Amino acid sequence: MPVTVTHDPAQQRFSTVVDGVEAELEYQLRGDQLVIAHTGVPEAIGGRGIASDLVRAAFEYARQAGYKVRPACSYAAAWAERHPEYSQLLG
């Protein structure tokens, strides 16, 4: 079941809190490109698909805002390979 993801554009991050523990995705905007720099899910809440929810939220934000996505973190890159429905956003 997807978690509720919060977007903080001023801090360039997406986050969620599960069982009192925060997970995050950090990005940078470079021109028309959203670069996913880091996805972090603490071990205490790992294995629940939380990182996937964070990356999906970032891709959906990029789609709505007209950005291309560059998954610079290894998790986001692997996620993008497993979700070809988002391949048109890669750039």
PDB file of N, CA and C in Angstrom:
ATOM      1  N   MET A   1       0.846  -1.185   0.000  1.00  0.00           N
ATOM      2  CA  MET A   1       0.000   0.000   0.000  1.00  0.00           C
ATOM      3  C   MET A   1       0.890   1.247   0.000  1.00  0.00           C
ATOM      4  N   PRO A   2       0.690   2.122  -0.978  1.00  0.00           N
ATOM      5  CA  PRO A   2       1.547   3.315  -1.060  1.00  0.00           C
ATOM      6  C   PRO A   2       1.422   4.198   0.183  1.00  0.00           C
ATOM      7  N   VAL A   3       2.513   4.859   0.499  1.00  0.00           N
ATOM      8  CA  VAL A   3       2.524   5.780   1.630  1.00  0.00           C
ATOM      9  C   VAL A   3       2.201   7.183   1.128  1.00  0.00           C
ATOM     10  N   THR A   4       1.899   8.085   2.047  1.00  0.00           N
ATOM     11  CA  THR A   4       1.668   9.479   1.703  1.00  0.00           C
ATOM     12  C   THR A   4       3.013  10.181   1.612  1.00  0.00           C
ATOM     13  N   VAL A   5       3.294  10.726   0.451  1.00  0.00           N
ATOM     14  CA  VAL A   5       4.574  11.388   0.212  1.00  0.00           C
ATOM     15  C   VAL A   5       4.343  12.897   0.189  1.00  0.00           C
ATOM     16  N   THR A   6       5.203  13.609   0.907  1.00  0.00           N
ATOM     17  CA  THR A   6       5.148  15.069   0.972  1.00  0.00           C
ATOM     18  C   THR A   6       6.283  15.645   0.139  1.00  0.00           C
ATOM     19  N   HIS A   7       5.973  16.692  -0.618  1.00  0.00           N
ATOM     20  CA  HIS A   7       6.980  17.350  -1.446  1.00  0.00           C
ATOM     21  C   HIS A   7       7.298  18.712  -0.846  1.00  0.00           C
ATOM     22  N   ASP A   8       8.573  19.000  -0.662  1.00  0.00           N
ATOM     23  CA  ASP A   8       9.037  20.303  -0.182  1.00  0.00           C
ATOM     24  C   ASP A   8       9.925  20.892  -1.278  1.00  0.00           C
ATOM     25  N   PRO A   9       9.332  21.678  -2.212  1.00  0.00           N
ATOM     26  CA  PRO A   9      10.122  22.218  -3.323  1.00  0.00           C
ATOM     27  C   PRO A   9      11.254  23.131  -2.864  1.00  0.00           C
ATOM     28  N   ALA A  10      11.065  23.863  -1.776  1.00  0.00           N
ATOM     29  CA  ALA A  10      12.115  24.768  -1.298  1.00  0.00           C
ATOM     30  C   ALA A  10      13.366  24.000  -0.878  1.00  0.00           C
ATOM     31  N   GLN A  11      13.177  22.814  -0.316  1.00  0.00           N
ATOM     32  CA  GLN A  11      14.301  21.977   0.101  1.00  0.00           C
ATOM     33  C   GLN A  11      14.680  20.941  -0.959  1.00  0.00           C
ATOM     34  N   GLN A  12      13.929  20.904  -2.048  1.00  0.00           N
ATOM     35  CA  GLN A  12      14.135  19.940  -3.139  1.00  0.00           C
ATOM     36  C   GLN A  12      14.184  18.518  -2.593  1.00  0.00           C
ATOM     37  N   ARG A  13      13.093  18.140  -1.948  1.00  0.00           N
ATOM     38  CA  ARG A  13      13.024  16.788  -1.390  1.00  0.00           C
ATOM     39  C   ARG A  13      11.583  16.302  -1.296  1.00  0.00           C
ATOM     40  N   PHE A  14      11.461  14.990  -1.370  1.00  0.00           N
ATOM     41  CA  PHE A  14      10.211  14.297  -1.098  1.00  0.00           C
ATOM     42  C   PHE A  14      10.460  13.492   0.166  1.00  0.00           C
ATOM     43  N   SER A  15       9.442  13.367   1.010  1.00  0.00           N
ATOM     44  CA  SER A  15       9.637  12.598   2.237  1.00  0.00           C
ATOM     45  C   SER A  15       8.335  11.946   2.659  1.00  0.00           C
ATOM     46  N   THR A  16       8.477  10.985   3.552  1.00  0.00           N
ATOM     47  CA  THR A  16       7.340  10.328   4.165  1.00  0.00           C
ATOM     48  C   THR A  16       7.776   9.856   5.544  1.00  0.00           C
ATOM     49  N   VAL A  17       6.822   9.714   6.432  1.00  0.00           N
ATOM     50  CA  VAL A  17       7.096   9.188   7.766  1.00  0.00           C
ATOM     51  C   VAL A  17       6.251   7.937   7.948  1.00  0.00           C
ATOM     52  N   VAL A  18       6.917   6.832   8.252  1.00  0.00           N
ATOM     53  CA  VAL A  18       6.255   5.553   8.477  1.00  0.00           C
ATOM     54  C   VAL A  18       6.693   5.041   9.843  1.00  0.00           C
ATOM     55  N   ASP A  19       5.731   4.732  10.681  1.00  0.00           N
ATOM     56  CA  ASP A  19       6.030   4.243  12.037  1.00  0.00           C
ATOM     57  C   ASP A  19       6.983   5.182  12.773  1.00  0.00           C
ATOM     58  N   GLY A  20       6.828   6.489  12.544  1.00  0.00           N
ATOM     59  CA  GLY A  20       7.652   7.480  13.218  1.00  0.00           C
ATOM     60  C   GLY A  20       9.058   7.650  12.659  1.00  0.00           C
ATOM     61  N   VAL A  21       9.347   6.986  11.534  1.00  0.00           N
ATOM     62  CA  VAL A  21      10.678   7.046  10.924  1.00  0.00           C
ATOM     63  C   VAL A  21      10.546   7.722   9.556  1.00  0.00           C
ATOM     64  N   GLU A  22      11.449   8.690   9.288  1.00  0.00           N
ATOM     65  CA  GLU A  22      11.382   9.431   8.031  1.00  0.00           C
ATOM     66  C   GLU A  22      12.252   8.809   6.945  1.00  0.00           C
ATOM     67  N   ALA A  23      11.698   8.752   5.740  1.00  0.00           N
ATOM     68  CA  ALA A  23      12.441   8.351   4.542  1.00  0.00           C
ATOM     69  C   ALA A  23      12.410   9.545   3.603  1.00  0.00           C
ATOM     70  N   GLU A  24      13.436   9.664   2.732  1.00  0.00           N
ATOM     71  CA  GLU A  24      13.504  10.845   1.882  1.00  0.00           C
ATOM     72  C   GLU A  24      14.092  10.552   0.511  1.00  0.00           C
ATOM     73  N   LEU A  25      13.772  11.451  -0.402  1.00  0.00           N
ATOM     74  CA  LEU A  25      14.397  11.486  -1.717  1.00  0.00           C
ATOM     75  C   LEU A  25      14.829  12.932  -1.917  1.00  0.00           C
ATOM     76  N   GLU A  26      16.096  13.129  -2.242  1.00  0.00           N
ATOM     77  CA  GLU A  26      16.620  14.467  -2.494  1.00  0.00           C
ATOM     78  C   GLU A  26      16.899  14.611  -3.986  1.00  0.00           C
ATOM     79  N   TYR A  27      16.616  15.797  -4.511  1.00  0.00           N
ATOM     80  CA  TYR A  27      16.862  16.059  -5.928  1.00  0.00           C
ATOM     81  C   TYR A  27      17.412  17.461  -6.108  1.00  0.00           C
ATOM     82  N   GLN A  28      17.890  17.729  -7.320  1.00  0.00           N
ATOM     83  CA  GLN A  28      18.301  19.068  -7.727  1.00  0.00           C
ATOM     84  C   GLN A  28      17.656  19.362  -9.075  1.00  0.00           C
ATOM     85  N   LEU A  29      17.283  20.612  -9.260  1.00  0.00           N
ATOM     86  CA  LEU A  29      16.789  21.049 -10.563  1.00  0.00           C
ATOM     87  C   LEU A  29      17.950  21.671 -11.310  1.00  0.00           C
ATOM     88  N   ARG A  30      18.187  21.182 -12.515  1.00  0.00           N
ATOM     89  CA  ARG A  30      19.243  21.706 -13.385  1.00  0.00           C
ATOM     90  C   ARG A  30      18.612  21.995 -14.740  1.00  0.00           C
ATOM     91  N   GLY A  31      18.239  23.262 -14.918  1.00  0.00           N
ATOM     92  CA  GLY A  31      17.533  23.628 -16.149  1.00  0.00           C
ATOM     93  C   GLY A  31      16.181  22.953 -16.181  1.00  0.00           C
ATOM     94  N   ASP A  32      15.936  22.185 -17.248  1.00  0.00           N
ATOM     95  CA  ASP A  32      14.652  21.480 -17.368  1.00  0.00           C
ATOM     96  C   ASP A  32      14.765  20.032 -16.891  1.00  0.00           C
ATOM     97  N   GLN A  33      15.759  19.755 -16.070  1.00  0.00           N
ATOM     98  CA  GLN A  33      16.023  18.384 -15.617  1.00  0.00           C
ATOM     99  C   GLN A  33      15.931  18.283 -14.099  1.00  0.00           C
ATOM    100  N   LEU A  34      15.215  17.285 -13.630  1.00  0.00           N
ATOM    101  CA  LEU A  34      15.147  16.953 -12.212  1.00  0.00           C
ATOM    102  C   LEU A  34      16.122  15.797 -11.997  1.00  0.00           C
ATOM    103  N   VAL A  35      17.159  16.043 -11.228  1.00  0.00           N
ATOM    104  CA  VAL A  35      18.195  15.035 -10.987  1.00  0.00           C
ATOM    105  C   VAL A  35      17.958  14.426  -9.615  1.00  0.00           C
ATOM    106  N   ILE A  36      17.635  13.143  -9.589  1.00  0.00           N
ATOM    107  CA  ILE A  36      17.436  12.444  -8.311  1.00  0.00           C
ATOM    108  C   ILE A  36      18.809  12.089  -7.767  1.00  0.00           C
ATOM    109  N   ALA A  37      19.174  12.740  -6.659  1.00  0.00           N
ATOM    110  CA  ALA A  37      20.514  12.600  -6.104  1.00  0.00           C
ATOM    111  C   ALA A  37      20.618  11.505  -5.053  1.00  0.00           C
ATOM    112  N   HIS A  38      19.552  11.284  -4.298  1.00  0.00           N
ATOM    113  CA  HIS A  38      19.645  10.356  -3.162  1.00  0.00           C
ATOM    114  C   HIS A  38      18.250   9.885  -2.771  1.00  0.00           C
ATOM    115  N   THR A  39      18.135   8.598  -2.516  1.00  0.00           N
ATOM    116  CA  THR A  39      16.919   8.026  -1.949  1.00  0.00           C
ATOM    117  C   THR A  39      17.347   7.293  -0.689  1.00  0.00           C
ATOM    118  N   GLY A  40      16.768   7.660   0.444  1.00  0.00           N
ATOM    119  CA  GLY A  40      17.165   7.050   1.704  1.00  0.00           C
ATOM    120  C   GLY A  40      15.984   6.549   2.498  1.00  0.00           C
ATOM    121  N   VAL A  41      16.000   5.241   2.774  1.00  0.00           N
ATOM    122  CA  VAL A  41      14.979   4.620   3.607  1.00  0.00           C
ATOM    123  C   VAL A  41      15.709   3.885   4.733  1.00  0.00           C
ATOM    124  N   PRO A  42      15.535   4.328   5.966  1.00  0.00           N
ATOM    125  CA  PRO A  42      16.198   3.655   7.079  1.00  0.00           C
ATOM    126  C   PRO A  42      15.799   2.177   7.180  1.00  0.00           C
ATOM    127  N   GLU A  43      16.725   1.375   7.640  1.00  0.00           N
ATOM    128  CA  GLU A  43      16.508  -0.065   7.749  1.00  0.00           C
ATOM    129  C   GLU A  43      15.250  -0.412   8.542  1.00  0.00           C
ATOM    130  N   ALA A  44      14.931   0.399   9.540  1.00  0.00           N
ATOM    131  CA  ALA A  44      13.768   0.119  10.398  1.00  0.00           C
ATOM    132  C   ALA A  44      12.461   0.056   9.618  1.00  0.00           C
ATOM    133  N   ILE A  45      12.392   0.742   8.477  1.00  0.00           N
ATOM    134  CA  ILE A  45      11.159   0.726   7.679  1.00  0.00           C
ATOM    135  C   ILE A  45      11.414   0.208   6.262  1.00  0.00           C
ATOM    136  N   GLY A  46      12.541  -0.413   6.044  1.00  0.00           N
ATOM    137  CA  GLY A  46      12.892  -0.939   4.728  1.00  0.00           C
ATOM    138  C   GLY A  46      12.044  -2.127   4.323  1.00  0.00           C
ATOM    139  N   GLY A  47      12.084  -2.444   3.045  1.00  0.00           N
ATOM    140  CA  GLY A  47      11.400  -3.621   2.530  1.00  0.00           C
ATOM    141  C   GLY A  47       9.902  -3.477   2.366  1.00  0.00           C
ATOM    142  N   ARG A  48       9.410  -2.255   2.402  1.00  0.00           N
ATOM    143  CA  ARG A  48       7.958  -2.027   2.289  1.00  0.00           C
ATOM    144  C   ARG A  48       7.572  -1.284   1.016  1.00  0.00           C
ATOM    145  N   GLY A  49       8.525  -1.062   0.128  1.00  0.00           N
ATOM    146  CA  GLY A  49       8.224  -0.348  -1.107  1.00  0.00           C
ATOM    147  C   GLY A  49       8.218   1.161  -0.955  1.00  0.00           C
ATOM    148  N   ILE A  50       8.746   1.658   0.163  1.00  0.00           N
ATOM    149  CA  ILE A  50       8.726   3.092   0.424  1.00  0.00           C
ATOM    150  C   ILE A  50       9.614   3.849  -0.557  1.00  0.00           C
ATOM    151  N   ALA A  51      10.783   3.338  -0.853  1.00  0.00           N
ATOM    152  CA  ALA A  51      11.670   3.996  -1.818  1.00  0.00           C
ATOM    153  C   ALA A  51      10.984   4.091  -3.177  1.00  0.00           C
ATOM    154  N   SER A  52      10.281   3.053  -3.565  1.00  0.00           N
ATOM    155  CA  SER A  52       9.554   3.068  -4.830  1.00  0.00           C
ATOM    156  C   SER A  52       8.497   4.167  -4.836  1.00  0.00           C
ATOM    157  N   ASP A  53       7.773   4.332  -3.726  1.00  0.00           N
ATOM    158  CA  ASP A  53       6.756   5.376  -3.633  1.00  0.00           C
ATOM    159  C   ASP A  53       7.388   6.762  -3.762  1.00  0.00           C
ATOM    160  N   LEU A  54       8.554   6.954  -3.143  1.00  0.00           N
ATOM    161  CA  LEU A  54       9.246   8.240  -3.222  1.00  0.00           C
ATOM    162  C   LEU A  54       9.684   8.545  -4.654  1.00  0.00           C
ATOM    163  N   VAL A  55      10.274   7.554  -5.313  1.00  0.00           N
ATOM    164  CA  VAL A  55      10.745   7.762  -6.689  1.00  0.00           C
ATOM    165  C   VAL A  55       9.565   8.004  -7.627  1.00  0.00           C
ATOM    166  N   ARG A  56       8.494   7.249  -7.450  1.00  0.00           N
ATOM    167  CA  ARG A  56       7.306   7.454  -8.285  1.00  0.00           C
ATOM    168  C   ARG A  56       6.778   8.883  -8.101  1.00  0.00           C
ATOM    169  N   ALA A  57       6.745   9.372  -6.874  1.00  0.00           N
ATOM    170  CA  ALA A  57       6.270  10.735  -6.614  1.00  0.00           C
ATOM    171  C   ALA A  57       7.146  11.761  -7.348  1.00  0.00           C
ATOM    172  N   ALA A  58       8.453  11.532  -7.350  1.00  0.00           N
ATOM    173  CA  ALA A  58       9.366  12.449  -8.042  1.00  0.00           C
ATOM    174  C   ALA A  58       9.116  12.419  -9.553  1.00  0.00           C
ATOM    175  N   PHE A  59       8.938  11.234 -10.117  1.00  0.00           N
ATOM    176  CA  PHE A  59       8.670  11.126 -11.550  1.00  0.00           C
ATOM    177  C   PHE A  59       7.330  11.783 -11.905  1.00  0.00           C
ATOM    178  N   GLU A  60       6.322  11.581 -11.069  1.00  0.00           N
ATOM    179  CA  GLU A  60       5.018  12.193 -11.335  1.00  0.00           C
ATOM    180  C   GLU A  60       5.102  13.711 -11.246  1.00  0.00           C
ATOM    181  N   TYR A  61       5.842  14.225 -10.274  1.00  0.00           N
ATOM    182  CA  TYR A  61       6.045  15.671 -10.172  1.00  0.00           C
ATOM    183  C   TYR A  61       6.738  16.187 -11.436  1.00  0.00           C
ATOM    184  N   ALA A  62       7.778  15.493 -11.872  1.00  0.00           N
ATOM    185  CA  ALA A  62       8.502  15.900 -13.079  1.00  0.00           C
ATOM    186  C   ALA A  62       7.572  15.914 -14.288  1.00  0.00           C
ATOM    187  N   ARG A  63       6.732  14.915 -14.400  1.00  0.00           N
ATOM    188  CA  ARG A  63       5.788  14.843 -15.531  1.00  0.00           C
ATOM    189  C   ARG A  63       4.870  16.064 -15.516  1.00  0.00           C
ATOM    190  N   GLN A  64       4.311  16.374 -14.357  1.00  0.00           N
ATOM    191  CA  GLN A  64       3.369  17.494 -14.250  1.00  0.00           C
ATOM    192  C   GLN A  64       4.050  18.839 -14.490  1.00  0.00           C
ATOM    193  N   ALA A  65       5.313  18.955 -14.065  1.00  0.00           N
ATOM    194  CA  ALA A  65       6.038  20.222 -14.187  1.00  0.00           C
ATOM    195  C   ALA A  65       6.763  20.373 -15.525  1.00  0.00           C
ATOM    196  N   GLY A  66       6.785  19.311 -16.338  1.00  0.00           N
ATOM    197  CA  GLY A  66       7.441  19.377 -17.639  1.00  0.00           C
ATOM    198  C   GLY A  66       8.946  19.172 -17.592  1.00  0.00           C
ATOM    199  N   TYR A  67       9.446  18.521 -16.537  1.00  0.00           N
ATOM    200  CA  TYR A  67      10.880  18.243 -16.413  1.00  0.00           C
ATOM    201  C   TYR A  67      11.231  16.875 -16.976  1.00  0.00           C
ATOM    202  N   LYS A  68      12.458  16.731 -17.421  1.00  0.00           N
ATOM    203  CA  LYS A  68      13.038  15.427 -17.693  1.00  0.00           C
ATOM    204  C   LYS A  68      13.654  14.949 -16.376  1.00  0.00           C
ATOM    205  N   VAL A  69      13.875  13.650 -16.255  1.00  0.00           N
ATOM    206  CA  VAL A  69      14.429  13.098 -15.016  1.00  0.00           C
ATOM    207  C   VAL A  69      15.753  12.416 -15.305  1.00  0.00           C
ATOM    208  N   ARG A  70      16.737  12.696 -14.464  1.00  0.00           N
ATOM    209  CA  ARG A  70      18.003  11.966 -14.509  1.00  0.00           C
ATOM    210  C   ARG A  70      18.178  11.285 -13.160  1.00  0.00           C
ATOM    211  N   PRO A  71      18.008   9.956 -13.112  1.00  0.00           N
ATOM    212  CA  PRO A  71      18.165   9.230 -11.860  1.00  0.00           C
ATOM    213  C   PRO A  71      19.646   9.006 -11.547  1.00  0.00           C
ATOM    214  N   ALA A  72      20.256   9.923 -10.796  1.00  0.00           N
ATOM    215  CA  ALA A  72      21.680   9.823 -10.474  1.00  0.00           C
ATOM    216  C   ALA A  72      21.950   8.849  -9.334  1.00  0.00           C
ATOM    217  N   CYS A  73      20.952   8.549  -8.525  1.00  0.00           N
ATOM    218  CA  CYS A  73      21.178   7.564  -7.452  1.00  0.00           C
ATOM    219  C   CYS A  73      20.870   6.169  -7.999  1.00  0.00           C
ATOM    220  N   SER A  74      21.573   5.179  -7.515  1.00  0.00           N
ATOM    221  CA  SER A  74      21.477   3.826  -8.062  1.00  0.00           C
ATOM    222  C   SER A  74      20.078   3.233  -7.906  1.00  0.00           C
ATOM    223  N   TYR A  75      19.413   3.514  -6.788  1.00  0.00           N
ATOM    224  CA  TYR A  75      18.069   2.965  -6.612  1.00  0.00           C
ATOM    225  C   TYR A  75      17.115   3.544  -7.653  1.00  0.00           C
ATOM    226  N   ALA A  76      17.145   4.859  -7.826  1.00  0.00           N
ATOM    227  CA  ALA A  76      16.241   5.497  -8.785  1.00  0.00           C
ATOM    228  C   ALA A  76      16.512   5.015 -10.211  1.00  0.00           C
ATOM    229  N   ALA A  77      17.782   4.787 -10.541  1.00  0.00           N
ATOM    230  CA  ALA A  77      18.132   4.283 -11.871  1.00  0.00           C
ATOM    231  C   ALA A  77      17.557   2.881 -12.080  1.00  0.00           C
ATOM    232  N   ALA A  78      17.693   2.026 -11.075  1.00  0.00           N
ATOM    233  CA  ALA A  78      17.146   0.667 -11.166  1.00  0.00           C
ATOM    234  C   ALA A  78      15.622   0.712 -11.238  1.00  0.00           C
ATOM    235  N   TRP A  79      15.014   1.610 -10.472  1.00  0.00           N
ATOM    236  CA  TRP A  79      13.558   1.756 -10.490  1.00  0.00           C
ATOM    237  C   TRP A  79      13.086   2.147 -11.889  1.00  0.00           C
ATOM    238  N   ALA A  80      13.773   3.099 -12.503  1.00  0.00           N
ATOM    239  CA  ALA A  80      13.397   3.559 -13.839  1.00  0.00           C
ATOM    240  C   ALA A  80      13.465   2.420 -14.859  1.00  0.00           C
ATOM    241  N   GLU A  81      14.448   1.545 -14.710  1.00  0.00           N
ATOM    242  CA  GLU A  81      14.555   0.395 -15.621  1.00  0.00           C
ATOM    243  C   GLU A  81      13.381  -0.559 -15.441  1.00  0.00           C
ATOM    244  N   ARG A  82      12.889  -0.687 -14.214  1.00  0.00           N
ATOM    245  CA  ARG A  82      11.770  -1.595 -13.930  1.00  0.00           C
ATOM    246  C   ARG A  82      10.410  -0.986 -14.261  1.00  0.00           C
ATOM    247  N   HIS A  83      10.376   0.308 -14.585  1.00  0.00           N
ATOM    248  CA  HIS A  83       9.109   0.988 -14.874  1.00  0.00           C
ATOM    249  C   HIS A  83       9.186   1.710 -16.217  1.00  0.00           C
ATOM    250  N   PRO A  84       9.139   0.941 -17.308  1.00  0.00           N
ATOM    251  CA  PRO A  84       9.278   1.539 -18.642  1.00  0.00           C
ATOM    252  C   PRO A  84       8.179   2.546 -18.969  1.00  0.00           C
ATOM    253  N   GLU A  85       7.075   2.539 -18.231  1.00  0.00           N
ATOM    254  CA  GLU A  85       6.010   3.507 -18.479  1.00  0.00           C
ATOM    255  C   GLU A  85       6.467   4.946 -18.193  1.00  0.00           C
ATOM    256  N   TYR A  86       7.613   5.094 -17.529  1.00  0.00           N
ATOM    257  CA  TYR A  86       8.161   6.419 -17.262  1.00  0.00           C
ATOM    258  C   TYR A  86       9.362   6.746 -18.149  1.00  0.00           C
ATOM    259  N   SER A  87       9.693   5.877 -19.104  1.00  0.00           N
ATOM    260  CA  SER A  87      10.903   6.054 -19.907  1.00  0.00           C
ATOM    261  C   SER A  87      10.906   7.352 -20.709  1.00  0.00           C
ATOM    262  N   GLN A  88       9.735   7.856 -21.106  1.00  0.00           N
ATOM    263  CA  GLN A  88       9.689   9.109 -21.876  1.00  0.00           C
ATOM    264  C   GLN A  88      10.132  10.312 -21.049  1.00  0.00           C
ATOM    265  N   LEU A  89      10.207  10.157 -19.727  1.00  0.00           N
ATOM    266  CA  LEU A  89      10.653  11.262 -18.868  1.00  0.00           C
ATOM    267  C   LEU A  89      12.154  11.295 -18.689  1.00  0.00           C
ATOM    268  N   LEU A  90      12.851  10.228 -19.072  1.00  0.00           N
ATOM    269  CA  LEU A  90      14.296  10.173 -18.863  1.00  0.00           C
ATOM    270  C   LEU A  90      14.990  11.120 -19.824  1.00  0.00           C
ATOM    271  N   GLY A  91      15.987  11.820 -19.288  1.00  0.00           N
ATOM    272  CA  GLY A  91      16.680  12.739 -20.180  1.00  0.00           C
ATOM    273  C   GLY A  91      17.972  13.247 -19.612  1.00  0.00           C
TER     274      GLY A  91
END
